[in-house]
N, C-alpha and C. Protein backbone atom coordinates (compact mmCIF):
# COMPACT_ATOMS: atom_id res chain seq x y z
N MET A 1 -9.68 -24.85 72.32
CA MET A 1 -9.17 -25.74 71.25
C MET A 1 -10.05 -27.11 71.50
N LEU A 2 -9.94 -28.09 70.29
CA LEU A 2 -10.72 -29.05 70.45
C LEU A 2 -9.75 -30.49 70.56
N LYS A 3 -8.14 -30.11 70.27
CA LYS A 3 -7.48 -31.10 70.30
C LYS A 3 -7.21 -31.88 71.88
N PRO A 4 -7.03 -31.05 72.78
CA PRO A 4 -7.10 -31.73 74.14
C PRO A 4 -7.89 -32.88 74.29
N LYS A 5 -9.38 -32.77 73.61
CA LYS A 5 -10.21 -33.67 73.79
C LYS A 5 -10.10 -34.78 73.27
N PHE A 6 -8.90 -35.11 72.38
CA PHE A 6 -9.11 -35.66 71.44
C PHE A 6 -8.41 -37.28 72.16
N THR A 7 -9.20 -37.99 72.93
CA THR A 7 -8.98 -38.81 74.02
C THR A 7 -9.02 -40.24 73.37
N LEU A 8 -9.42 -40.55 72.17
CA LEU A 8 -9.64 -42.23 71.54
C LEU A 8 -10.68 -42.72 72.49
N ARG A 9 -11.53 -42.52 73.31
CA ARG A 9 -12.40 -43.14 74.32
C ARG A 9 -13.38 -43.69 73.55
N SER A 10 -13.54 -43.70 72.37
CA SER A 10 -14.62 -44.39 71.31
C SER A 10 -13.99 -44.78 70.42
N PHE A 11 -12.55 -45.03 70.27
CA PHE A 11 -11.85 -45.31 68.83
C PHE A 11 -11.86 -46.80 68.58
N GLU A 12 -12.74 -47.59 68.01
CA GLU A 12 -12.87 -48.91 67.67
C GLU A 12 -13.15 -49.20 66.19
N PRO A 13 -11.55 -49.40 65.54
CA PRO A 13 -11.54 -49.82 64.52
C PRO A 13 -12.09 -50.87 63.78
N LYS A 14 -11.68 -51.98 64.34
CA LYS A 14 -12.48 -53.36 64.18
C LYS A 14 -13.56 -53.08 64.18
N ALA A 15 -14.11 -52.49 65.20
CA ALA A 15 -16.20 -52.67 65.35
C ALA A 15 -16.29 -51.91 63.98
N TRP A 16 -15.75 -50.77 63.46
CA TRP A 16 -15.86 -50.02 62.48
C TRP A 16 -16.04 -50.93 61.07
N ALA A 17 -14.71 -51.59 61.11
CA ALA A 17 -14.37 -52.48 59.81
C ALA A 17 -15.80 -53.55 59.84
N ARG A 18 -16.21 -54.28 60.78
CA ARG A 18 -17.06 -55.29 60.81
C ARG A 18 -18.22 -54.58 60.26
N LEU A 19 -18.54 -53.44 60.76
CA LEU A 19 -20.14 -52.69 60.43
C LEU A 19 -20.12 -52.41 59.04
N ALA A 20 -18.81 -51.89 58.58
CA ALA A 20 -18.52 -51.76 57.14
C ALA A 20 -18.70 -52.81 56.22
N LYS A 21 -18.16 -54.09 56.39
CA LYS A 21 -18.25 -55.15 55.59
C LYS A 21 -19.89 -55.61 55.97
N LYS A 22 -20.47 -55.54 56.92
CA LYS A 22 -21.95 -55.71 57.17
C LYS A 22 -22.88 -55.18 56.17
N ALA A 23 -22.49 -53.84 55.99
CA ALA A 23 -23.48 -53.05 55.25
C ALA A 23 -23.03 -53.30 53.63
N GLY A 24 -22.12 -53.76 53.41
CA GLY A 24 -21.74 -54.37 51.92
C GLY A 24 -20.51 -53.50 51.24
N MET A 25 -19.72 -52.28 52.06
CA MET A 25 -18.66 -51.76 51.66
C MET A 25 -17.85 -52.88 51.37
N LYS A 26 -17.13 -52.28 50.26
CA LYS A 26 -16.02 -53.04 49.52
C LYS A 26 -14.65 -52.39 49.79
N TYR A 27 -14.29 -51.20 49.95
CA TYR A 27 -13.36 -50.45 50.03
C TYR A 27 -13.49 -49.08 51.25
N MET A 28 -12.81 -48.54 51.57
CA MET A 28 -12.56 -47.63 52.43
C MET A 28 -11.33 -46.77 52.12
N VAL A 29 -11.24 -45.55 51.96
CA VAL A 29 -10.33 -44.37 51.78
C VAL A 29 -10.33 -43.54 53.10
N LEU A 30 -9.45 -43.61 53.46
CA LEU A 30 -8.92 -42.82 54.90
C LEU A 30 -8.17 -41.55 55.00
N THR A 31 -8.28 -40.61 55.51
CA THR A 31 -7.79 -39.46 55.45
C THR A 31 -6.57 -39.69 56.13
N SER A 32 -5.34 -39.68 55.15
CA SER A 32 -3.88 -39.62 55.92
C SER A 32 -3.66 -38.22 56.44
N ARG A 33 -3.62 -37.43 55.70
CA ARG A 33 -3.42 -35.84 56.23
C ARG A 33 -4.56 -34.85 55.24
N HIS A 34 -4.74 -33.92 56.05
CA HIS A 34 -5.65 -33.07 55.45
C HIS A 34 -5.34 -31.41 55.19
N HIS A 35 -5.89 -30.68 54.68
CA HIS A 35 -5.12 -29.33 54.65
C HIS A 35 -4.51 -28.62 55.70
N GLU A 36 -5.14 -28.87 56.76
CA GLU A 36 -4.19 -28.34 57.93
C GLU A 36 -3.05 -28.73 58.30
N GLY A 37 -2.69 -29.65 57.53
CA GLY A 37 -1.35 -30.10 57.52
C GLY A 37 -1.31 -31.23 58.76
N PHE A 38 -1.96 -31.65 59.56
CA PHE A 38 -1.67 -32.64 60.74
C PHE A 38 -2.05 -33.98 59.99
N SER A 39 -1.04 -35.07 60.45
CA SER A 39 -1.13 -36.30 59.42
C SER A 39 -1.50 -37.16 60.72
N LEU A 40 -2.58 -38.44 60.04
CA LEU A 40 -3.20 -39.40 60.93
C LEU A 40 -2.04 -40.65 61.10
N PHE A 41 -1.00 -40.78 60.34
CA PHE A 41 -0.12 -41.60 59.96
C PHE A 41 1.23 -40.89 60.74
N ASN A 42 1.97 -41.83 61.22
CA ASN A 42 3.21 -41.33 62.04
C ASN A 42 4.48 -41.00 61.25
N SER A 43 4.38 -39.70 60.26
CA SER A 43 5.18 -39.58 59.33
C SER A 43 6.80 -39.05 60.08
N GLN A 44 7.57 -39.03 59.20
CA GLN A 44 8.92 -38.93 60.00
C GLN A 44 9.78 -37.79 59.10
N GLN A 45 8.93 -36.65 58.25
CA GLN A 45 9.20 -35.85 57.27
C GLN A 45 9.41 -34.83 58.01
N PRO A 46 10.77 -33.97 57.90
CA PRO A 46 10.81 -33.02 58.69
C PRO A 46 9.70 -31.78 58.61
N TYR A 47 9.10 -31.26 60.03
CA TYR A 47 8.15 -30.16 59.53
C TYR A 47 8.31 -29.40 60.92
N ALA A 48 8.16 -28.18 60.48
CA ALA A 48 8.24 -27.20 61.52
C ALA A 48 7.32 -27.03 62.65
N VAL A 49 5.96 -27.30 62.23
CA VAL A 49 4.75 -27.20 63.05
C VAL A 49 4.59 -28.05 63.99
N LYS A 50 4.59 -27.94 65.37
CA LYS A 50 4.14 -28.96 66.55
C LYS A 50 2.85 -28.91 66.92
N ASN A 51 2.51 -30.34 66.97
CA ASN A 51 0.90 -30.33 67.64
C ASN A 51 0.84 -30.05 68.89
N ASP A 52 0.15 -29.63 69.87
CA ASP A 52 0.04 -29.27 71.33
C ASP A 52 0.20 -30.78 71.78
N ILE A 53 -0.17 -31.73 71.33
CA ILE A 53 -0.56 -33.31 72.03
C ILE A 53 0.80 -34.21 71.64
N THR A 54 1.30 -34.30 70.36
CA THR A 54 2.11 -35.21 70.12
C THR A 54 3.33 -34.55 70.03
N GLY A 55 3.50 -33.05 69.87
CA GLY A 55 4.78 -32.64 69.79
C GLY A 55 5.52 -32.59 68.34
N SER A 56 4.59 -32.95 67.50
CA SER A 56 5.03 -33.42 65.85
C SER A 56 3.63 -32.87 65.44
N ALA A 57 3.79 -32.96 63.90
CA ALA A 57 2.57 -33.13 62.92
C ALA A 57 1.66 -34.30 62.74
N ASN A 58 1.93 -35.02 63.77
CA ASN A 58 1.22 -36.53 63.62
C ASN A 58 0.36 -36.32 64.93
N LEU A 59 -0.98 -36.85 64.01
CA LEU A 59 -1.89 -36.71 65.48
C LEU A 59 -2.07 -38.06 66.34
N SER A 60 -1.18 -39.03 66.08
CA SER A 60 -1.24 -40.48 66.76
C SER A 60 -0.84 -39.95 68.33
N PRO A 61 -1.14 -40.23 69.32
CA PRO A 61 -0.60 -40.19 70.84
C PRO A 61 0.55 -41.27 70.45
N LYS A 62 1.43 -40.94 71.54
CA LYS A 62 2.87 -41.77 71.96
C LYS A 62 2.29 -43.31 71.78
N GLY A 63 3.33 -43.95 70.83
CA GLY A 63 3.69 -45.55 70.94
C GLY A 63 2.01 -45.82 70.04
N ARG A 64 1.23 -45.05 69.53
CA ARG A 64 0.38 -45.40 68.80
C ARG A 64 0.70 -45.02 66.98
N ASP A 65 -0.29 -45.33 66.28
CA ASP A 65 -0.35 -45.16 64.73
C ASP A 65 -1.88 -45.58 64.25
N LEU A 66 -2.61 -44.35 64.76
CA LEU A 66 -4.07 -44.65 64.43
C LEU A 66 -4.31 -45.05 62.95
N TYR A 67 -3.48 -44.39 62.02
CA TYR A 67 -3.67 -44.61 60.72
C TYR A 67 -3.42 -46.13 60.36
N LYS A 68 -2.04 -46.82 60.98
CA LYS A 68 -2.00 -48.47 60.73
C LYS A 68 -2.94 -49.04 61.40
N GLU A 69 -3.93 -48.67 62.61
CA GLU A 69 -4.47 -49.43 63.23
C GLU A 69 -5.74 -49.74 62.31
N ILE A 70 -6.46 -48.42 61.73
CA ILE A 70 -7.48 -48.59 61.23
C ILE A 70 -7.45 -49.08 59.89
N MET A 71 -6.07 -49.28 58.95
CA MET A 71 -6.00 -49.69 57.81
C MET A 71 -5.81 -51.23 58.02
N THR A 72 -5.34 -51.56 59.14
CA THR A 72 -4.92 -52.94 59.37
C THR A 72 -6.85 -53.75 60.01
N ALA A 73 -7.39 -52.82 60.31
CA ALA A 73 -8.53 -53.61 60.75
C ALA A 73 -9.43 -53.70 59.60
N PHE A 74 -9.37 -52.89 58.83
CA PHE A 74 -10.46 -53.02 57.49
C PHE A 74 -9.68 -54.28 56.46
N ARG A 75 -8.80 -54.15 56.35
CA ARG A 75 -8.01 -55.35 55.70
C ARG A 75 -8.11 -56.60 56.16
N GLN A 76 -8.46 -56.78 57.54
CA GLN A 76 -8.52 -57.95 58.29
C GLN A 76 -9.87 -58.48 57.96
N GLU A 77 -10.94 -57.46 57.63
CA GLU A 77 -12.32 -57.73 57.03
C GLU A 77 -12.27 -57.85 55.68
N GLY A 78 -11.19 -57.94 54.64
CA GLY A 78 -11.17 -58.28 53.50
C GLY A 78 -11.64 -56.96 52.69
N LEU A 79 -11.62 -55.73 53.18
CA LEU A 79 -11.86 -54.63 52.61
C LEU A 79 -10.85 -53.87 51.66
N LYS A 80 -10.63 -53.50 50.63
CA LYS A 80 -9.77 -52.77 49.98
C LYS A 80 -9.28 -51.08 50.52
N VAL A 81 -8.34 -50.98 50.75
CA VAL A 81 -8.33 -49.78 51.54
C VAL A 81 -7.46 -48.55 51.01
N GLY A 82 -7.74 -47.45 50.80
CA GLY A 82 -7.06 -46.28 50.06
C GLY A 82 -6.77 -45.21 50.89
N ALA A 83 -5.77 -44.30 50.54
CA ALA A 83 -5.30 -43.14 51.52
C ALA A 83 -5.82 -41.74 50.81
N TYR A 84 -6.52 -41.15 51.34
CA TYR A 84 -6.60 -39.66 50.92
C TYR A 84 -5.56 -38.89 51.39
N TYR A 85 -5.06 -37.89 50.52
CA TYR A 85 -3.97 -37.00 50.88
C TYR A 85 -3.92 -35.95 50.39
N SER A 86 -4.21 -34.86 50.85
CA SER A 86 -4.22 -33.36 50.68
C SER A 86 -2.94 -33.07 49.95
N LEU A 87 -2.86 -32.40 48.84
CA LEU A 87 -1.47 -32.13 48.36
C LEU A 87 -1.00 -30.58 49.03
N LEU A 88 -1.83 -29.79 49.48
CA LEU A 88 -1.76 -28.61 49.88
C LEU A 88 -1.51 -28.68 51.63
N ASP A 89 -0.91 -27.91 52.33
CA ASP A 89 -0.93 -27.49 53.57
C ASP A 89 -0.88 -26.18 54.18
N TRP A 90 -1.84 -25.69 54.86
CA TRP A 90 -2.25 -24.41 55.25
C TRP A 90 -0.93 -24.11 56.29
N GLN A 91 -0.22 -25.17 56.89
CA GLN A 91 0.77 -24.51 58.11
C GLN A 91 2.13 -24.66 57.60
N HIS A 92 2.53 -25.85 56.46
CA HIS A 92 4.04 -26.24 56.16
C HIS A 92 4.47 -24.65 55.89
N PRO A 93 5.77 -24.32 56.53
CA PRO A 93 6.45 -23.16 56.05
C PRO A 93 6.69 -22.92 54.53
N ASP A 94 7.07 -24.07 54.11
CA ASP A 94 7.53 -23.99 52.78
C ASP A 94 6.25 -23.93 51.58
N SER A 95 5.04 -23.98 52.30
CA SER A 95 4.00 -23.80 51.29
C SER A 95 3.23 -22.21 51.24
N TYR A 96 4.20 -21.45 51.83
CA TYR A 96 3.68 -19.88 51.58
C TYR A 96 3.63 -19.45 50.21
N GLU A 97 4.87 -19.56 49.79
CA GLU A 97 5.29 -19.74 48.36
C GLU A 97 3.89 -19.77 47.40
N ALA A 98 3.20 -20.99 47.52
CA ALA A 98 2.31 -21.34 46.82
C ALA A 98 1.16 -20.83 47.00
N PHE A 99 0.66 -20.55 48.57
CA PHE A 99 -0.70 -20.70 48.60
C PHE A 99 -0.92 -19.42 49.47
N ASN A 100 0.21 -18.80 50.51
CA ASN A 100 0.18 -17.49 51.28
C ASN A 100 -1.22 -17.28 51.91
N LEU A 101 -1.16 -18.74 52.77
CA LEU A 101 -2.33 -18.82 53.59
C LEU A 101 -2.11 -18.58 55.09
N ASN A 102 -0.89 -18.77 55.51
CA ASN A 102 -0.35 -18.38 56.66
C ASN A 102 0.16 -17.00 56.93
N PRO A 103 0.18 -16.66 58.04
CA PRO A 103 0.78 -15.53 58.34
C PRO A 103 2.57 -15.72 58.68
N ASN A 104 3.45 -15.25 57.74
CA ASN A 104 4.82 -15.63 57.66
C ASN A 104 5.44 -14.78 58.94
N THR A 105 5.40 -14.90 60.08
CA THR A 105 5.61 -14.02 61.06
C THR A 105 7.51 -13.74 61.51
N ASP A 106 7.93 -15.28 60.92
CA ASP A 106 9.62 -14.93 61.00
C ASP A 106 10.39 -14.71 59.85
N ASN A 107 9.50 -14.30 58.99
CA ASN A 107 10.01 -13.99 57.51
C ASN A 107 10.67 -14.98 57.00
N HIS A 108 10.44 -16.29 57.40
CA HIS A 108 10.84 -17.46 56.65
C HIS A 108 10.85 -17.26 54.87
N GLN A 109 11.99 -17.43 54.48
CA GLN A 109 12.18 -17.38 52.75
C GLN A 109 11.45 -18.96 52.28
N PRO A 110 10.18 -19.05 51.80
CA PRO A 110 9.46 -20.18 51.59
C PRO A 110 10.25 -21.04 50.25
N ASP A 111 10.36 -22.31 50.26
CA ASP A 111 11.21 -22.87 49.25
C ASP A 111 10.16 -24.16 48.69
N HIS A 112 9.69 -23.88 47.70
CA HIS A 112 8.62 -24.91 47.24
C HIS A 112 9.43 -26.21 47.09
N ASN A 113 10.19 -26.08 46.44
CA ASN A 113 11.02 -27.42 45.92
C ASN A 113 11.20 -28.43 47.42
N ARG A 114 11.39 -27.63 48.23
CA ARG A 114 11.78 -28.41 49.44
C ARG A 114 10.21 -28.95 50.13
N TYR A 115 9.50 -28.19 49.73
CA TYR A 115 7.69 -28.42 50.00
C TYR A 115 7.72 -29.72 49.31
N LYS A 116 7.77 -29.65 47.86
CA LYS A 116 7.82 -31.16 47.09
C LYS A 116 8.31 -32.40 47.71
N GLU A 117 9.63 -32.01 48.15
CA GLU A 117 10.50 -33.27 48.67
C GLU A 117 9.48 -33.63 49.80
N TYR A 118 8.78 -32.73 50.57
CA TYR A 118 8.36 -33.40 51.72
C TYR A 118 6.93 -34.10 51.20
N LEU A 119 6.31 -33.73 50.29
CA LEU A 119 5.20 -34.44 49.84
C LEU A 119 5.80 -35.78 49.35
N TYR A 120 6.54 -35.73 48.50
CA TYR A 120 7.05 -37.07 47.96
C TYR A 120 7.44 -38.06 49.13
N GLY A 121 8.37 -37.43 50.39
CA GLY A 121 8.77 -38.26 51.11
C GLY A 121 7.65 -38.69 52.02
N GLN A 122 6.33 -38.31 52.05
CA GLN A 122 5.12 -38.46 52.76
C GLN A 122 4.36 -39.72 52.11
N VAL A 123 4.35 -39.47 50.99
CA VAL A 123 3.96 -40.52 50.08
C VAL A 123 4.50 -41.67 49.98
N LYS A 124 5.86 -41.30 49.78
CA LYS A 124 6.67 -42.95 50.07
C LYS A 124 6.17 -43.43 51.22
N GLU A 125 6.35 -42.59 52.39
CA GLU A 125 6.04 -43.33 54.22
C GLU A 125 4.68 -44.24 53.57
N LEU A 126 3.49 -43.73 53.05
CA LEU A 126 2.28 -44.31 52.86
C LEU A 126 2.39 -45.59 52.08
N ALA A 127 3.14 -45.41 51.02
CA ALA A 127 3.39 -46.60 50.24
C ALA A 127 4.18 -47.36 50.64
N GLN A 128 5.14 -47.23 51.52
CA GLN A 128 6.24 -48.43 52.10
C GLN A 128 6.19 -48.93 53.20
N ASN A 129 5.38 -48.23 53.93
CA ASN A 129 5.17 -48.14 55.30
C ASN A 129 3.78 -49.01 56.01
N TYR A 130 3.16 -49.30 55.45
CA TYR A 130 1.69 -49.74 55.64
C TYR A 130 1.07 -50.94 54.74
N GLY A 131 1.95 -51.71 54.15
CA GLY A 131 1.32 -52.71 53.57
C GLY A 131 0.72 -52.44 52.02
N GLN A 132 -0.40 -53.19 51.59
CA GLN A 132 -0.84 -52.79 50.04
C GLN A 132 -1.74 -51.41 50.39
N LEU A 133 -1.14 -50.90 49.33
CA LEU A 133 -2.17 -49.63 49.29
C LEU A 133 -3.17 -49.39 47.98
N ASP A 134 -4.55 -49.89 47.81
CA ASP A 134 -5.19 -49.92 46.73
C ASP A 134 -5.43 -48.69 46.41
N MET A 135 -5.73 -47.72 46.59
CA MET A 135 -5.90 -46.22 46.03
C MET A 135 -5.22 -45.19 46.86
N LEU A 136 -4.78 -44.42 45.65
CA LEU A 136 -4.12 -42.83 46.39
C LEU A 136 -4.99 -42.03 46.09
N TRP A 137 -5.82 -40.95 46.74
CA TRP A 137 -6.66 -40.21 46.51
C TRP A 137 -6.13 -38.89 47.11
N PRO A 138 -5.23 -38.17 46.00
CA PRO A 138 -4.69 -36.88 46.34
C PRO A 138 -5.62 -36.07 45.98
N ASP A 139 -5.63 -34.77 46.72
CA ASP A 139 -6.97 -33.87 46.35
C ASP A 139 -6.00 -32.30 46.61
N PHE A 140 -6.66 -31.53 45.84
CA PHE A 140 -6.62 -30.22 45.52
C PHE A 140 -5.58 -29.90 44.61
N SER A 141 -5.90 -29.32 43.40
CA SER A 141 -5.26 -28.93 42.30
C SER A 141 -5.79 -27.62 41.68
N SER A 142 -5.13 -26.86 41.36
CA SER A 142 -5.67 -25.50 40.48
C SER A 142 -5.09 -25.04 39.30
N LYS A 143 -5.70 -24.31 38.42
CA LYS A 143 -4.67 -23.85 37.34
C LYS A 143 -3.66 -23.62 37.69
N GLN A 144 -3.22 -22.84 38.57
CA GLN A 144 -2.02 -22.51 39.04
C GLN A 144 -0.74 -23.18 39.51
N HIS A 145 -1.65 -24.22 40.06
CA HIS A 145 -1.16 -25.14 40.81
C HIS A 145 -1.28 -26.98 40.60
N GLN A 146 -0.93 -27.53 39.85
CA GLN A 146 -1.11 -28.96 39.25
C GLN A 146 -0.02 -29.43 38.72
N GLY A 147 -0.28 -30.81 38.53
CA GLY A 147 1.02 -31.57 37.64
C GLY A 147 2.25 -31.20 38.71
N GLU A 148 3.28 -30.65 37.56
CA GLU A 148 4.87 -30.31 38.39
C GLU A 148 4.56 -29.52 39.93
N ALA A 149 3.71 -28.97 39.67
CA ALA A 149 3.80 -28.32 41.28
C ALA A 149 3.92 -29.23 42.19
N TRP A 150 3.34 -30.24 41.73
CA TRP A 150 3.50 -31.11 43.27
C TRP A 150 4.72 -32.19 42.99
N GLY A 151 5.36 -31.90 41.73
CA GLY A 151 6.40 -33.17 41.41
C GLY A 151 5.61 -34.37 40.91
N THR A 152 4.51 -34.54 40.45
CA THR A 152 3.74 -35.52 39.50
C THR A 152 4.56 -36.54 39.22
N LYS A 153 5.32 -36.08 38.25
CA LYS A 153 5.98 -37.20 37.69
C LYS A 153 6.79 -38.23 38.24
N ARG A 154 7.49 -37.90 38.97
CA ARG A 154 8.53 -38.51 40.23
C ARG A 154 7.63 -39.14 41.09
N ILE A 155 6.87 -38.75 41.81
CA ILE A 155 5.68 -39.58 42.66
C ILE A 155 5.05 -40.29 42.15
N LEU A 156 4.38 -40.41 41.01
CA LEU A 156 3.81 -41.61 40.34
C LEU A 156 4.88 -42.65 40.04
N THR A 157 5.89 -41.86 39.38
CA THR A 157 6.88 -43.18 38.78
C THR A 157 6.89 -43.93 39.91
N ASP A 158 7.57 -43.75 41.10
CA ASP A 158 8.04 -44.30 42.15
C ASP A 158 6.70 -44.97 42.67
N LEU A 159 5.65 -44.32 42.70
CA LEU A 159 4.55 -45.25 43.45
C LEU A 159 4.07 -46.12 42.77
N ILE A 160 4.13 -46.59 41.62
CA ILE A 160 3.68 -47.25 40.65
C ILE A 160 4.81 -48.69 41.24
N LYS A 161 6.11 -48.07 41.02
CA LYS A 161 6.92 -49.22 41.58
C LYS A 161 6.62 -49.76 42.78
N TRP A 162 6.41 -49.11 43.93
CA TRP A 162 6.31 -49.32 45.21
C TRP A 162 4.90 -50.21 45.23
N GLN A 163 3.59 -49.76 44.51
CA GLN A 163 2.77 -50.13 44.61
C GLN A 163 2.18 -50.61 43.21
N PRO A 164 2.35 -51.30 42.70
CA PRO A 164 2.01 -51.72 41.09
C PRO A 164 0.53 -51.87 41.00
N ASN A 165 -0.11 -52.39 42.10
CA ASN A 165 -1.59 -52.39 41.64
C ASN A 165 -2.57 -51.02 41.96
N ILE A 166 -2.08 -50.15 42.37
CA ILE A 166 -2.63 -49.07 43.10
C ILE A 166 -3.33 -48.39 41.84
N ILE A 167 -4.45 -47.80 42.34
CA ILE A 167 -5.42 -46.82 41.51
C ILE A 167 -5.19 -45.65 42.09
N ILE A 168 -5.01 -44.73 41.02
CA ILE A 168 -4.90 -42.76 41.57
C ILE A 168 -5.97 -42.31 40.83
N ASN A 169 -6.75 -41.18 41.58
CA ASN A 169 -7.17 -40.44 40.84
C ASN A 169 -6.99 -39.19 40.20
N ASN A 170 -8.07 -38.45 39.80
CA ASN A 170 -7.24 -37.44 38.76
C ASN A 170 -7.23 -36.19 39.02
N ARG A 171 -6.69 -36.07 40.57
CA ARG A 171 -6.56 -34.67 41.33
C ARG A 171 -5.24 -34.09 41.15
N PHE A 172 -4.28 -34.82 40.29
CA PHE A 172 -3.06 -34.14 40.25
C PHE A 172 -3.21 -32.99 38.96
N TRP A 173 -4.26 -33.66 38.30
CA TRP A 173 -4.61 -32.84 36.87
C TRP A 173 -3.48 -33.29 36.00
N ASP A 174 -2.78 -32.14 35.84
CA ASP A 174 -1.92 -32.06 34.55
C ASP A 174 -0.60 -33.32 35.19
N GLY A 175 0.13 -33.62 33.78
CA GLY A 175 0.79 -34.53 34.18
C GLY A 175 0.56 -36.11 34.34
N LEU A 176 -0.64 -36.29 34.21
CA LEU A 176 -0.97 -37.83 34.41
C LEU A 176 -1.11 -38.60 32.81
N GLU A 177 -0.98 -39.49 32.95
CA GLU A 177 -0.75 -40.48 31.57
C GLU A 177 -1.89 -40.22 30.66
N ASN A 178 -3.17 -40.35 31.67
CA ASN A 178 -4.28 -40.38 31.37
C ASN A 178 -5.03 -39.10 32.02
N LYS A 179 -5.35 -38.08 31.30
CA LYS A 179 -5.71 -36.73 32.31
C LYS A 179 -6.76 -37.17 33.32
N ASN A 180 -7.72 -38.12 32.89
CA ASN A 180 -8.63 -38.57 33.94
C ASN A 180 -8.11 -39.37 34.91
N GLY A 181 -6.64 -39.54 35.27
CA GLY A 181 -6.50 -40.90 36.18
C GLY A 181 -7.11 -42.20 36.13
N ASP A 182 -6.65 -42.93 37.01
CA ASP A 182 -7.70 -44.27 36.81
C ASP A 182 -8.90 -44.22 37.32
N ILE A 183 -9.61 -43.21 37.87
CA ILE A 183 -10.88 -42.99 37.94
C ILE A 183 -10.86 -41.40 37.96
N GLY A 184 -11.98 -41.23 37.41
CA GLY A 184 -12.41 -39.73 37.53
C GLY A 184 -13.21 -39.24 38.49
N THR A 185 -13.12 -38.07 39.19
CA THR A 185 -13.63 -37.29 40.70
C THR A 185 -14.24 -36.06 40.11
N LEU A 186 -15.64 -35.82 40.53
CA LEU A 186 -16.33 -34.65 40.20
C LEU A 186 -15.94 -33.87 41.21
N LYS A 187 -15.69 -32.43 40.55
CA LYS A 187 -15.26 -31.36 41.58
C LYS A 187 -16.29 -30.31 41.67
N ILE A 188 -16.69 -29.80 42.89
CA ILE A 188 -17.45 -28.91 43.41
C ILE A 188 -16.94 -27.61 43.65
N TYR A 189 -16.92 -26.23 43.09
CA TYR A 189 -16.06 -25.20 43.25
C TYR A 189 -16.87 -23.81 43.88
N SER A 190 -16.25 -23.27 44.41
CA SER A 190 -16.62 -22.23 44.94
C SER A 190 -15.46 -20.93 44.92
N THR A 191 -15.83 -20.11 44.94
CA THR A 191 -15.53 -18.76 44.12
C THR A 191 -14.71 -18.26 45.56
N ASN A 192 -13.22 -18.03 45.40
CA ASN A 192 -12.32 -17.44 46.30
C ASN A 192 -12.40 -15.86 46.00
N ARG A 193 -13.17 -15.03 46.73
CA ARG A 193 -13.49 -13.53 46.01
C ARG A 193 -11.97 -13.01 46.03
N ALA A 194 -11.31 -13.23 46.92
CA ALA A 194 -10.04 -12.42 47.15
C ALA A 194 -8.93 -12.72 45.89
N SER A 195 -8.91 -14.02 45.38
CA SER A 195 -8.05 -14.42 44.39
C SER A 195 -8.67 -14.51 43.05
N GLY A 196 -9.98 -15.24 43.04
CA GLY A 196 -10.36 -15.56 41.95
C GLY A 196 -10.34 -16.97 41.62
N ASP A 197 -9.50 -17.84 42.56
CA ASP A 197 -9.55 -19.23 42.24
C ASP A 197 -10.83 -19.89 42.66
N GLY A 198 -10.52 -21.07 42.00
CA GLY A 198 -11.49 -22.06 42.35
C GLY A 198 -11.22 -23.17 43.24
N LEU A 199 -11.60 -23.22 44.32
CA LEU A 199 -11.21 -24.30 45.40
C LEU A 199 -11.95 -25.33 45.16
N GLY A 200 -11.48 -26.54 45.12
CA GLY A 200 -12.17 -27.87 44.93
C GLY A 200 -12.92 -28.38 46.40
N GLY A 201 -13.70 -28.77 46.19
CA GLY A 201 -14.62 -29.40 47.32
C GLY A 201 -14.59 -30.70 47.37
């Protein structure tokens, strides 16, 4: 396992931000959570899966919030900041119903509505706990799981109240006021032979 080797020995967000500005970058989009389910930000949402290092789904060591440290460093250099956020979660017990990617060894009865509450809660944390958020970059929808499968209307209605100047991409798919979002993004698809679904890259 690689997680025990996550020592932060070369963690220097201020240096990264200075270099990004020097290179001419105008914005940065940071992965707040990816498909594996672990969060770079310190989420307080209830979650059954525990991380070996932190004892939760949060990756930051005790007393640290790596997401906040990075976002703050880039803001201080005058860059816009955005959050990449995976809509699916390969570990959350209530995402079994939608994706069936995890072995359900304890016969847990998945509740996708509970998972939608979890998504909403995490987006709320990103929007309310970390200052101005210039962009939200949700990722992954499919023909079977888009729009209200994620609770899009509720998320976007409140997100725009919390962050009125935010830009949102098109990856909620259905349920957007503009089907292309504020910005359109290209998708690269591969074929999942087992299910026939396209998986966005």
